[in-house]
């Protein structure tokens, strides 16, 4: 996933209150905001999907995961400046 330098979009989701509570509790357990928890979960899921669809060695997988985490960190940093 690549973003141009300043391209940021907002996403709104309607979810059941029970699921919201569950997400909030999981984020709190990890010591992160719900936003960070959801972004981390999506990045991890994408990495797993990409890894399972390709035959990659550990070094390639680690490099791809590092790239995803760096992008997620940069996005969080940019959003926190708003």
PDB file of N, CA and C in Angstrom:
ATOM      1  N   UNK A   1       0.861  -1.174   0.000  1.00  0.00           N
ATOM      2  CA  UNK A   1       0.000   0.000   0.000  1.00  0.00           C
ATOM      3  C   UNK A   1       0.894   1.219   0.000  1.00  0.00           C
ATOM      4  N   UNK A   2       0.739   2.082  -0.978  1.00  0.00           N
ATOM      5  CA  UNK A   2       1.545   3.294  -0.989  1.00  0.00           C
ATOM      6  C   UNK A   2       0.633   4.510  -1.010  1.00  0.00           C
ATOM      7  N   UNK A   3       1.072   5.520  -0.343  1.00  0.00           N
ATOM      8  CA  UNK A   3       0.318   6.768  -0.264  1.00  0.00           C
ATOM      9  C   UNK A   3       1.201   7.871  -0.811  1.00  0.00           C
ATOM     10  N   UNK A   4       0.582   8.813  -1.524  1.00  0.00           N
ATOM     11  CA  UNK A   4       1.355   9.978  -1.897  1.00  0.00           C
ATOM     12  C   UNK A   4       1.662  10.737  -0.607  1.00  0.00           C
ATOM     13  N   UNK A   5       2.510  11.686  -0.692  1.00  0.00           N
ATOM     14  CA  UNK A   5       3.017  12.354   0.500  1.00  0.00           C
ATOM     15  C   UNK A   5       1.927  12.826   1.469  1.00  0.00           C
ATOM     16  N   UNK A   6       0.853  13.408   0.959  1.00  0.00           N
ATOM     17  CA  UNK A   6      -0.151  13.984   1.843  1.00  0.00           C
ATOM     18  C   UNK A   6      -1.540  13.385   1.648  1.00  0.00           C
ATOM     19  N   UNK A   7      -1.622  12.280   0.935  1.00  0.00           N
ATOM     20  CA  UNK A   7      -2.928  11.685   0.681  1.00  0.00           C
ATOM     21  C   UNK A   7      -3.393  10.881   1.886  1.00  0.00           C
ATOM     22  N   UNK A   8      -4.413  11.385   2.550  1.00  0.00           N
ATOM     23  CA  UNK A   8      -4.997  10.701   3.694  1.00  0.00           C
ATOM     24  C   UNK A   8      -6.502  10.762   3.535  1.00  0.00           C
ATOM     25  N   UNK A   9      -7.144   9.646   3.766  1.00  0.00           N
ATOM     26  CA  UNK A   9      -8.599   9.588   3.672  1.00  0.00           C
ATOM     27  C   UNK A   9      -9.159   9.068   4.987  1.00  0.00           C
ATOM     28  N   UNK A  10     -10.364   9.463   5.290  1.00  0.00           N
ATOM     29  CA  UNK A  10     -11.043   9.039   6.514  1.00  0.00           C
ATOM     30  C   UNK A  10     -11.971   7.895   6.162  1.00  0.00           C
ATOM     31  N   UNK A  11     -12.059   6.923   7.053  1.00  0.00           N
ATOM     32  CA  UNK A  11     -12.929   5.773   6.874  1.00  0.00           C
ATOM     33  C   UNK A  11     -13.853   5.675   8.074  1.00  0.00           C
ATOM     34  N   UNK A  12     -15.141   5.601   7.826  1.00  0.00           N
ATOM     35  CA  UNK A  12     -16.127   5.438   8.894  1.00  0.00           C
ATOM     36  C   UNK A  12     -16.768   4.077   8.768  1.00  0.00           C
ATOM     37  N   UNK A  13     -16.900   3.387   9.879  1.00  0.00           N
ATOM     38  CA  UNK A  13     -17.518   2.071   9.889  1.00  0.00           C
ATOM     39  C   UNK A  13     -18.611   2.031  10.941  1.00  0.00           C
ATOM     40  N   UNK A  14     -19.708   1.380  10.618  1.00  0.00           N
ATOM     41  CA  UNK A  14     -20.751   1.112  11.595  1.00  0.00           C
ATOM     42  C   UNK A  14     -20.571  -0.332  12.039  1.00  0.00           C
ATOM     43  N   UNK A  15     -20.306  -0.510  13.340  1.00  0.00           N
ATOM     44  CA  UNK A  15     -20.121  -1.857  13.874  1.00  0.00           C
ATOM     45  C   UNK A  15     -20.995  -2.015  15.114  1.00  0.00           C
ATOM     46  N   UNK A  16     -21.339  -3.260  15.454  1.00  0.00           N
ATOM     47  CA  UNK A  16     -22.135  -3.486  16.662  1.00  0.00           C
ATOM     48  C   UNK A  16     -21.388  -3.000  17.907  1.00  0.00           C
ATOM     49  N   UNK A  17     -22.130  -2.515  18.888  1.00  0.00           N
ATOM     50  CA  UNK A  17     -21.540  -1.988  20.123  1.00  0.00           C
ATOM     51  C   UNK A  17     -20.655  -3.036  20.800  1.00  0.00           C
ATOM     52  N   UNK A  18     -21.063  -4.287  20.742  1.00  0.00           N
ATOM     53  CA  UNK A  18     -20.279  -5.363  21.368  1.00  0.00           C
ATOM     54  C   UNK A  18     -18.903  -5.500  20.708  1.00  0.00           C
ATOM     55  N   UNK A  19     -18.858  -5.398  19.388  1.00  0.00           N
ATOM     56  CA  UNK A  19     -17.586  -5.484  18.678  1.00  0.00           C
ATOM     57  C   UNK A  19     -16.722  -4.262  18.983  1.00  0.00           C
ATOM     58  N   UNK A  20     -17.329  -3.099  19.091  1.00  0.00           N
ATOM     59  CA  UNK A  20     -16.602  -1.879  19.447  1.00  0.00           C
ATOM     60  C   UNK A  20     -15.944  -2.043  20.815  1.00  0.00           C
ATOM     61  N   UNK A  21     -16.708  -2.563  21.758  1.00  0.00           N
ATOM     62  CA  UNK A  21     -16.183  -2.791  23.108  1.00  0.00           C
ATOM     63  C   UNK A  21     -15.023  -3.774  23.074  1.00  0.00           C
ATOM     64  N   UNK A  22     -15.168  -4.830  22.293  1.00  0.00           N
ATOM     65  CA  UNK A  22     -14.105  -5.831  22.172  1.00  0.00           C
ATOM     66  C   UNK A  22     -12.833  -5.195  21.608  1.00  0.00           C
ATOM     67  N   UNK A  23     -12.969  -4.407  20.541  1.00  0.00           N
ATOM     68  CA  UNK A  23     -11.814  -3.741  19.948  1.00  0.00           C
ATOM     69  C   UNK A  23     -11.152  -2.783  20.939  1.00  0.00           C
ATOM     70  N   UNK A  24     -11.969  -2.051  21.666  1.00  0.00           N
ATOM     71  CA  UNK A  24     -11.454  -1.103  22.657  1.00  0.00           C
ATOM     72  C   UNK A  24     -10.663  -1.832  23.745  1.00  0.00           C
ATOM     73  N   UNK A  25     -11.210  -2.963  24.207  1.00  0.00           N
ATOM     74  CA  UNK A  25     -10.516  -3.738  25.248  1.00  0.00           C
ATOM     75  C   UNK A  25      -9.198  -4.293  24.725  1.00  0.00           C
ATOM     76  N   UNK A  26      -9.185  -4.814  23.488  1.00  0.00           N
ATOM     77  CA  UNK A  26      -7.951  -5.362  22.912  1.00  0.00           C
ATOM     78  C   UNK A  26      -6.890  -4.264  22.759  1.00  0.00           C
ATOM     79  N   UNK A  27      -7.316  -3.098  22.305  1.00  0.00           N
ATOM     80  CA  UNK A  27      -6.383  -1.985  22.146  1.00  0.00           C
ATOM     81  C   UNK A  27      -5.813  -1.563  23.502  1.00  0.00           C
ATOM     82  N   UNK A  28      -6.685  -1.486  24.489  1.00  0.00           N
ATOM     83  CA  UNK A  28      -6.251  -1.105  25.835  1.00  0.00           C
ATOM     84  C   UNK A  28      -5.254  -2.117  26.386  1.00  0.00           C
ATOM     85  N   UNK A  29      -5.512  -3.402  26.173  1.00  0.00           N
ATOM     86  CA  UNK A  29      -4.594  -4.452  26.631  1.00  0.00           C
ATOM     87  C   UNK A  29      -3.215  -4.291  26.003  1.00  0.00           C
ATOM     88  N   UNK A  30      -3.179  -3.858  24.752  1.00  0.00           N
ATOM     89  CA  UNK A  30      -1.901  -3.671  24.054  1.00  0.00           C
ATOM     90  C   UNK A  30      -1.285  -2.304  24.338  1.00  0.00           C
ATOM     91  N   UNK A  31      -2.053  -1.416  24.987  1.00  0.00           N
ATOM     92  CA  UNK A  31      -1.539  -0.098  25.313  1.00  0.00           C
ATOM     93  C   UNK A  31      -1.486   0.838  24.116  1.00  0.00           C
ATOM     94  N   UNK A  32      -2.395   0.628  23.168  1.00  0.00           N
ATOM     95  CA  UNK A  32      -2.442   1.478  21.973  1.00  0.00           C
ATOM     96  C   UNK A  32      -3.858   2.002  21.783  1.00  0.00           C
ATOM     97  N   UNK A  33      -4.000   2.990  20.909  1.00  0.00           N
ATOM     98  CA  UNK A  33      -5.334   3.505  20.603  1.00  0.00           C
ATOM     99  C   UNK A  33      -6.064   2.493  19.716  1.00  0.00           C
ATOM    100  N   UNK A  34      -7.372   2.633  19.637  1.00  0.00           N
ATOM    101  CA  UNK A  34      -8.146   1.754  18.755  1.00  0.00           C
ATOM    102  C   UNK A  34      -7.662   1.909  17.321  1.00  0.00           C
ATOM    103  N   UNK A  35      -7.374   3.115  16.923  1.00  0.00           N
ATOM    104  CA  UNK A  35      -6.901   3.388  15.576  1.00  0.00           C
ATOM    105  C   UNK A  35      -5.609   2.623  15.287  1.00  0.00           C
ATOM    106  N   UNK A  36      -4.656   2.729  16.213  1.00  0.00           N
ATOM    107  CA  UNK A  36      -3.393   2.019  16.053  1.00  0.00           C
ATOM    108  C   UNK A  36      -3.613   0.511  16.028  1.00  0.00           C
ATOM    109  N   UNK A  37      -4.475   0.017  16.917  1.00  0.00           N
ATOM    110  CA  UNK A  37      -4.745  -1.419  16.982  1.00  0.00           C
ATOM    111  C   UNK A  37      -5.324  -1.923  15.662  1.00  0.00           C
ATOM    112  N   UNK A  38      -6.279  -1.194  15.109  1.00  0.00           N
ATOM    113  CA  UNK A  38      -6.919  -1.607  13.856  1.00  0.00           C
ATOM    114  C   UNK A  38      -5.916  -1.550  12.708  1.00  0.00           C
ATOM    115  N   UNK A  39      -5.116  -0.482  12.627  1.00  0.00           N
ATOM    116  CA  UNK A  39      -4.109  -0.384  11.565  1.00  0.00           C
ATOM    117  C   UNK A  39      -3.076  -1.504  11.670  1.00  0.00           C
ATOM    118  N   UNK A  40      -2.628  -1.806  12.883  1.00  0.00           N
ATOM    119  CA  UNK A  40      -1.668  -2.900  13.081  1.00  0.00           C
ATOM    120  C   UNK A  40      -2.278  -4.227  12.671  1.00  0.00           C
ATOM    121  N   UNK A  41      -3.535  -4.445  13.040  1.00  0.00           N
ATOM    122  CA  UNK A  41      -4.214  -5.690  12.697  1.00  0.00           C
ATOM    123  C   UNK A  41      -4.349  -5.841  11.183  1.00  0.00           C
ATOM    124  N   UNK A  42      -4.703  -4.752  10.513  1.00  0.00           N
ATOM    125  CA  UNK A  42      -4.829  -4.799   9.058  1.00  0.00           C
ATOM    126  C   UNK A  42      -3.475  -5.057   8.396  1.00  0.00           C
ATOM    127  N   UNK A  43      -2.438  -4.404   8.886  1.00  0.00           N
ATOM    128  CA  UNK A  43      -1.099  -4.597   8.318  1.00  0.00           C
ATOM    129  C   UNK A  43      -0.638  -6.041   8.509  1.00  0.00           C
ATOM    130  N   UNK A  44      -0.893  -6.588   9.698  1.00  0.00           N
ATOM    131  CA  UNK A  44      -0.504  -7.972   9.968  1.00  0.00           C
ATOM    132  C   UNK A  44      -1.284  -8.936   9.076  1.00  0.00           C
ATOM    133  N   UNK A  45      -2.564  -8.674   8.905  1.00  0.00           N
ATOM    134  CA  UNK A  45      -3.391  -9.536   8.051  1.00  0.00           C
ATOM    135  C   UNK A  45      -2.907  -9.480   6.606  1.00  0.00           C
ATOM    136  N   UNK A  46      -2.613  -8.270   6.116  1.00  0.00           N
ATOM    137  CA  UNK A  46      -2.102  -8.128   4.754  1.00  0.00           C
ATOM    138  C   UNK A  46      -0.790  -8.891   4.586  1.00  0.00           C
ATOM    139  N   UNK A  47       0.092  -8.775   5.568  1.00  0.00           N
ATOM    140  CA  UNK A  47       1.377  -9.470   5.498  1.00  0.00           C
ATOM    141  C   UNK A  47       1.167 -10.980   5.451  1.00  0.00           C
ATOM    142  N   UNK A  48       0.229 -11.475   6.252  1.00  0.00           N
ATOM    143  CA  UNK A  48      -0.055 -12.910   6.263  1.00  0.00           C
ATOM    144  C   UNK A  48      -0.653 -13.363   4.942  1.00  0.00           C
ATOM    145  N   UNK A  49      -1.575 -12.573   4.391  1.00  0.00           N
ATOM    146  CA  UNK A  49      -2.186 -12.925   3.109  1.00  0.00           C
ATOM    147  C   UNK A  49      -1.149 -12.927   1.997  1.00  0.00           C
ATOM    148  N   UNK A  50      -0.282 -11.932   1.984  1.00  0.00           N
ATOM    149  CA  UNK A  50       0.761 -11.868   0.968  1.00  0.00           C
ATOM    150  C   UNK A  50       1.720 -13.037   1.130  1.00  0.00           C
ATOM    151  N   UNK A  51       2.064 -13.349   2.365  1.00  0.00           N
ATOM    152  CA  UNK A  51       3.008 -14.442   2.627  1.00  0.00           C
ATOM    153  C   UNK A  51       2.414 -15.775   2.226  1.00  0.00           C
ATOM    154  N   UNK A  52       1.130 -15.990   2.498  1.00  0.00           N
ATOM    155  CA  UNK A  52       0.523 -17.274   2.176  1.00  0.00           C
ATOM    156  C   UNK A  52       0.287 -17.438   0.683  1.00  0.00           C
ATOM    157  N   UNK A  53       0.206 -16.334  -0.051  1.00  0.00           N
ATOM    158  CA  UNK A  53      -0.018 -16.435  -1.484  1.00  0.00           C
ATOM    159  C   UNK A  53       1.292 -16.521  -2.263  1.00  0.00           C
ATOM    160  N   UNK A  54       2.413 -16.352  -1.579  1.00  0.00           N
ATOM    161  CA  UNK A  54       3.715 -16.415  -2.231  1.00  0.00           C
ATOM    162  C   UNK A  54       4.615 -17.362  -1.462  1.00  0.00           C
ATOM    163  N   UNK A  55       5.528 -17.959  -2.166  1.00  0.00           N
ATOM    164  CA  UNK A  55       6.534 -18.790  -1.515  1.00  0.00           C
ATOM    165  C   UNK A  55       7.756 -17.907  -1.293  1.00  0.00           C
ATOM    166  N   UNK A  56       7.906 -17.401  -0.061  1.00  0.00           N
ATOM    167  CA  UNK A  56       9.003 -16.482   0.234  1.00  0.00           C
ATOM    168  C   UNK A  56       9.875 -17.030   1.348  1.00  0.00           C
ATOM    169  N   UNK A  57      11.122 -16.638   1.342  1.00  0.00           N
ATOM    170  CA  UNK A  57      12.009 -17.028   2.421  1.00  0.00           C
ATOM    171  C   UNK A  57      11.856 -16.049   3.586  1.00  0.00           C
ATOM    172  N   UNK A  58      12.402 -16.388   4.723  1.00  0.00           N
ATOM    173  CA  UNK A  58      12.262 -15.566   5.927  1.00  0.00           C
ATOM    174  C   UNK A  58      12.806 -14.153   5.746  1.00  0.00           C
ATOM    175  N   UNK A  59      13.913 -14.011   5.069  1.00  0.00           N
ATOM    176  CA  UNK A  59      14.512 -12.684   4.884  1.00  0.00           C
ATOM    177  C   UNK A  59      13.584 -11.784   4.064  1.00  0.00           C
ATOM    178  N   UNK A  60      12.986 -12.337   3.020  1.00  0.00           N
ATOM    179  CA  UNK A  60      12.064 -11.560   2.194  1.00  0.00           C
ATOM    180  C   UNK A  60      10.829 -11.176   2.988  1.00  0.00           C
ATOM    181  N   UNK A  61      10.316 -12.117   3.780  1.00  0.00           N
ATOM    182  CA  UNK A  61       9.140 -11.849   4.603  1.00  0.00           C
ATOM    183  C   UNK A  61       9.438 -10.752   5.622  1.00  0.00           C
ATOM    184  N   UNK A  62      10.567 -10.840   6.286  1.00  0.00           N
ATOM    185  CA  UNK A  62      10.939  -9.831   7.273  1.00  0.00           C
ATOM    186  C   UNK A  62      11.089  -8.454   6.626  1.00  0.00           C
ATOM    187  N   UNK A  63      11.665  -8.415   5.445  1.00  0.00           N
ATOM    188  CA  UNK A  63      11.838  -7.147   4.739  1.00  0.00           C
ATOM    189  C   UNK A  63      10.473  -6.538   4.393  1.00  0.00           C
ATOM    190  N   UNK A  64       9.547  -7.372   3.929  1.00  0.00           N
ATOM    191  CA  UNK A  64       8.210  -6.884   3.581  1.00  0.00           C
ATOM    192  C   UNK A  64       7.468  -6.408   4.825  1.00  0.00           C
ATOM    193  N   UNK A  65       7.572  -7.153   5.908  1.00  0.00           N
ATOM    194  CA  UNK A  65       6.910  -6.755   7.149  1.00  0.00           C
ATOM    195  C   UNK A  65       7.492  -5.454   7.684  1.00  0.00           C
ATOM    196  N   UNK A  66       8.800  -5.305   7.601  1.00  0.00           N
ATOM    197  CA  UNK A  66       9.444  -4.068   8.045  1.00  0.00           C
ATOM    198  C   UNK A  66       8.924  -2.881   7.235  1.00  0.00           C
ATOM    199  N   UNK A  67       8.747  -3.084   5.922  1.00  0.00           N
ATOM    200  CA  UNK A  67       8.235  -2.017   5.055  1.00  0.00           C
ATOM    201  C   UNK A  67       6.809  -1.636   5.463  1.00  0.00           C
ATOM    202  N   UNK A  68       5.967  -2.631   5.720  1.00  0.00           N
ATOM    203  CA  UNK A  68       4.585  -2.367   6.131  1.00  0.00           C
ATOM    204  C   UNK A  68       4.562  -1.603   7.450  1.00  0.00           C
ATOM    205  N   UNK A  69       5.355  -2.042   8.414  1.00  0.00           N
ATOM    206  CA  UNK A  69       5.385  -1.368   9.715  1.00  0.00           C
ATOM    207  C   UNK A  69       5.906   0.066   9.588  1.00  0.00           C
ATOM    208  N   UNK A  70       6.891   0.277   8.720  1.00  0.00           N
ATOM    209  CA  UNK A  70       7.419   1.628   8.503  1.00  0.00           C
ATOM    210  C   UNK A  70       6.332   2.527   7.897  1.00  0.00           C
ATOM    211  N   UNK A  71       5.594   1.995   6.911  1.00  0.00           N
ATOM    212  CA  UNK A  71       4.508   2.764   6.298  1.00  0.00           C
ATOM    213  C   UNK A  71       3.434   3.087   7.333  1.00  0.00           C
ATOM    214  N   UNK A  72       3.084   2.102   8.175  1.00  0.00           N
ATOM    215  CA  UNK A  72       2.067   2.308   9.203  1.00  0.00           C
ATOM    216  C   UNK A  72       2.527   3.359  10.201  1.00  0.00           C
ATOM    217  N   UNK A  73       3.803   3.304  10.592  1.00  0.00           N
ATOM    218  CA  UNK A  73       4.348   4.280  11.525  1.00  0.00           C
ATOM    219  C   UNK A  73       4.296   5.684  10.916  1.00  0.00           C
ATOM    220  N   UNK A  74       4.689   5.793   9.648  1.00  0.00           N
ATOM    221  CA  UNK A  74       4.697   7.099   8.992  1.00  0.00           C
ATOM    222  C   UNK A  74       3.276   7.643   8.876  1.00  0.00           C
ATOM    223  N   UNK A  75       2.317   6.783   8.542  1.00  0.00           N
ATOM    224  CA  UNK A  75       0.926   7.209   8.446  1.00  0.00           C
ATOM    225  C   UNK A  75       0.424   7.689   9.807  1.00  0.00           C
ATOM    226  N   UNK A  76       0.723   6.936  10.865  1.00  0.00           N
ATOM    227  CA  UNK A  76       0.301   7.335  12.211  1.00  0.00           C
ATOM    228  C   UNK A  76       0.936   8.664  12.596  1.00  0.00           C
ATOM    229  N   UNK A  77       2.196   8.835  12.262  1.00  0.00           N
ATOM    230  CA  UNK A  77       2.905  10.084  12.569  1.00  0.00           C
ATOM    231  C   UNK A  77       2.244  11.258  11.842  1.00  0.00           C
ATOM    232  N   UNK A  78       1.913  11.059  10.560  1.00  0.00           N
ATOM    233  CA  UNK A  78       1.276  12.117   9.772  1.00  0.00           C
ATOM    234  C   UNK A  78      -0.103  12.451  10.339  1.00  0.00           C
ATOM    235  N   UNK A  79      -0.859  11.443  10.709  1.00  0.00           N
ATOM    236  CA  UNK A  79      -2.203  11.685  11.251  1.00  0.00           C
ATOM    237  C   UNK A  79      -2.148  12.356  12.615  1.00  0.00           C
ATOM    238  N   UNK A  80      -1.131  12.053  13.396  1.00  0.00           N
ATOM    239  CA  UNK A  80      -1.033  12.653  14.725  1.00  0.00           C
ATOM    240  C   UNK A  80      -0.721  14.158  14.654  1.00  0.00           C
ATOM    241  N   UNK A  81      -0.219  14.610  13.517  1.00  0.00           N
ATOM    242  CA  UNK A  81       0.092  16.028  13.344  1.00  0.00           C
ATOM    243  C   UNK A  81      -1.148  16.850  13.010  1.00  0.00           C
ATOM    244  N   UNK A  82      -2.246  16.170  12.679  1.00  0.00           N
ATOM    245  CA  UNK A  82      -3.471  16.878  12.293  1.00  0.00           C
ATOM    246  C   UNK A  82      -4.130  17.520  13.458  1.00  0.00           C
TER     247      UNK A  82
END
